[in-house]
Protein backbone atom coordinates (compact mmCIF):
# COMPACT_ATOMS: atom_id res chain seq x y z
CA UNK A 1 5.76 -23.45 17.98
CA UNK A 2 4.44 -24.15 14.50
CA UNK A 3 6.21 -26.61 12.20
CA UNK A 4 5.83 -25.47 8.60
CA UNK A 5 5.91 -27.12 5.20
CA UNK A 6 6.49 -24.77 2.26
CA UNK A 7 5.55 -26.26 -1.12
CA UNK A 8 6.49 -24.32 -4.24
CA UNK A 9 8.25 -25.29 -7.46
CA UNK A 10 10.37 -22.13 -7.26
CA UNK A 11 13.45 -22.60 -5.05
CA UNK A 12 13.72 -18.81 -4.82
CA UNK A 13 10.15 -18.52 -3.51
CA UNK A 14 10.70 -21.33 -0.99
CA UNK A 15 13.87 -19.63 0.28
CA UNK A 16 12.10 -16.29 0.55
CA UNK A 17 9.15 -17.77 2.44
CA UNK A 18 11.53 -19.65 4.74
CA UNK A 19 13.50 -16.51 5.49
CA UNK A 20 10.39 -14.45 6.15
CA UNK A 21 9.03 -17.16 8.47
CA UNK A 22 12.33 -17.27 10.36
CA UNK A 23 12.55 -13.53 10.98
CA UNK A 24 8.91 -12.43 11.23
CA UNK A 25 8.68 -12.88 14.99
CA UNK A 26 6.06 -15.64 15.01
CA UNK A 27 6.79 -18.81 17.00
CA UNK A 28 8.09 -21.08 14.25
CA UNK A 29 9.70 -24.47 14.86
CA UNK A 30 11.01 -26.62 12.02
CA UNK A 31 10.56 -25.48 8.44
CA UNK A 32 10.40 -28.13 5.73
CA UNK A 33 10.39 -27.54 1.99
CA UNK A 34 9.10 -29.43 -1.05
CA UNK A 35 9.26 -28.57 -4.75
CA UNK A 36 5.93 -30.24 -5.61
CA UNK A 37 3.00 -32.13 -4.18
CA UNK A 38 4.65 -35.56 -4.34
CA UNK A 39 7.64 -34.33 -2.30
CA UNK A 40 5.25 -32.68 0.14
CA UNK A 41 3.46 -35.98 0.77
CA UNK A 42 6.79 -37.62 1.63
CA UNK A 43 7.54 -34.84 4.12
CA UNK A 44 4.09 -35.14 5.70
CA UNK A 45 4.60 -38.88 6.17
CA UNK A 46 7.97 -38.36 7.91
CA UNK A 47 7.70 -35.18 9.99
CA UNK A 48 5.15 -33.41 12.15
CA UNK A 49 3.69 -30.43 10.27
CA UNK A 50 1.23 -27.90 11.65
CA UNK A 51 0.89 -25.52 8.70
CA UNK A 52 1.13 -26.30 5.00
CA UNK A 53 1.86 -23.38 2.65
CA UNK A 54 1.34 -24.45 -0.94
CA UNK A 55 1.45 -22.86 -4.34
CA UNK A 56 -1.31 -23.80 -6.77
CA UNK A 57 0.52 -24.15 -10.07
CA UNK A 58 3.29 -26.74 -9.85
CA UNK A 59 4.44 -29.46 -12.25
CA UNK A 60 3.67 -33.06 -11.40
CA UNK A 61 1.19 -32.60 -8.58
CA UNK A 62 -0.46 -29.20 -8.23
CA UNK A 63 -1.47 -27.62 -4.93
CA UNK A 64 -5.15 -28.60 -5.30
CA UNK A 65 -4.11 -32.15 -6.24
CA UNK A 66 -1.90 -32.26 -3.14
CA UNK A 67 -4.78 -31.18 -0.93
CA UNK A 68 -7.11 -33.77 -2.48
CA UNK A 69 -4.49 -36.48 -1.91
CA UNK A 70 -4.05 -35.40 1.71
CA UNK A 71 -7.82 -35.75 2.18
CA UNK A 72 -7.83 -39.13 0.43
CA UNK A 73 -5.05 -40.49 2.65
CA UNK A 74 -6.52 -39.15 5.88
CA UNK A 75 -4.61 -38.56 9.09
CA UNK A 76 -3.70 -34.95 8.28
CA UNK A 77 -6.85 -33.14 9.43
CA UNK A 78 -4.78 -31.20 11.99
CA UNK A 79 -2.63 -29.58 9.28
CA UNK A 80 -3.71 -26.01 8.57
CA UNK A 81 -3.76 -25.31 4.83
CA UNK A 82 -2.67 -21.99 3.34
CA UNK A 83 -2.56 -21.24 -0.39
CA UNK A 84 0.12 -18.81 -1.56
CA UNK A 85 -0.27 -18.09 -5.26
CA UNK A 86 0.00 -15.46 -7.96
CA UNK A 87 -3.38 -16.68 -9.21
CA UNK A 88 -6.04 -15.05 -7.07
CA UNK A 89 -8.82 -15.47 -9.61
CA UNK A 90 -12.33 -16.39 -8.56
CA UNK A 91 -12.02 -19.66 -10.48
CA UNK A 92 -8.92 -20.69 -8.52
CA UNK A 93 -10.45 -19.70 -5.21
CA UNK A 94 -13.54 -21.74 -6.09
CA UNK A 95 -11.34 -24.72 -6.97
CA UNK A 96 -9.88 -24.86 -3.46
CA UNK A 97 -12.96 -23.77 -1.54
CA UNK A 98 -13.93 -27.34 -0.60
CA UNK A 99 -10.37 -28.43 0.22
CA UNK A 100 -10.29 -27.10 3.80
CA UNK A 101 -8.09 -24.13 2.94
CA UNK A 102 -7.82 -21.77 5.91
CA UNK A 103 -6.26 -18.81 4.10
CA UNK A 104 -5.60 -17.77 0.51
CA UNK A 105 -2.71 -15.32 0.17
CA UNK A 106 -1.66 -13.73 -3.10
CA UNK A 107 1.96 -13.30 -4.17
CA UNK A 108 4.01 -11.24 -3.98
CA UNK A 109 4.00 -11.84 -0.26
CA UNK A 110 5.28 -9.08 1.99
CA UNK A 111 7.08 -10.10 5.21
CA UNK A 112 4.38 -8.36 7.24
CA UNK A 113 1.73 -10.50 5.58
CA UNK A 114 3.59 -13.71 6.47
CA UNK A 115 3.98 -12.48 10.06
CA UNK A 116 0.27 -11.71 10.25
CA UNK A 117 -0.66 -15.12 8.83
CA UNK A 118 1.58 -16.97 11.28
CA UNK A 119 0.44 -14.83 14.22
CA UNK A 120 -3.20 -15.50 13.34
CA UNK A 121 -2.58 -19.24 13.05
CA UNK A 122 -0.64 -19.31 16.32
CA UNK A 123 -3.44 -17.50 18.13
CA UNK A 124 -6.00 -19.88 16.65
CA UNK A 125 -4.04 -22.91 17.87
CA UNK A 126 -3.48 -21.53 21.37
CA UNK A 127 -5.94 -23.26 23.75
CA UNK A 128 -5.97 -20.34 26.25
């Protein structure tokens, strides 16, 4: 079971991602949400998280800033990082290239895409 953290400044997008994760058929445990990078750091300090889904453009602390802070703090190397953003430009992809991002998914996100992402991550974490 994968514990997820969904980070997006849009409450509607967080709710949609949560719902898709709940019904997509992948083995999902707890799902946490945060509206920005600072909230996400508090969640990471308090709860076990296996997969972090983060938007790039957020007020306060952006997705890339969040990932840099996670690296700076250490102790979260086990967390798989997935970017979900409307900005799929080469410049944005280059910005996160060195931040240990496993997948970069562009919005709008179809339920099948979320299922495929979670299935891929589950298979990758299965020691068999």
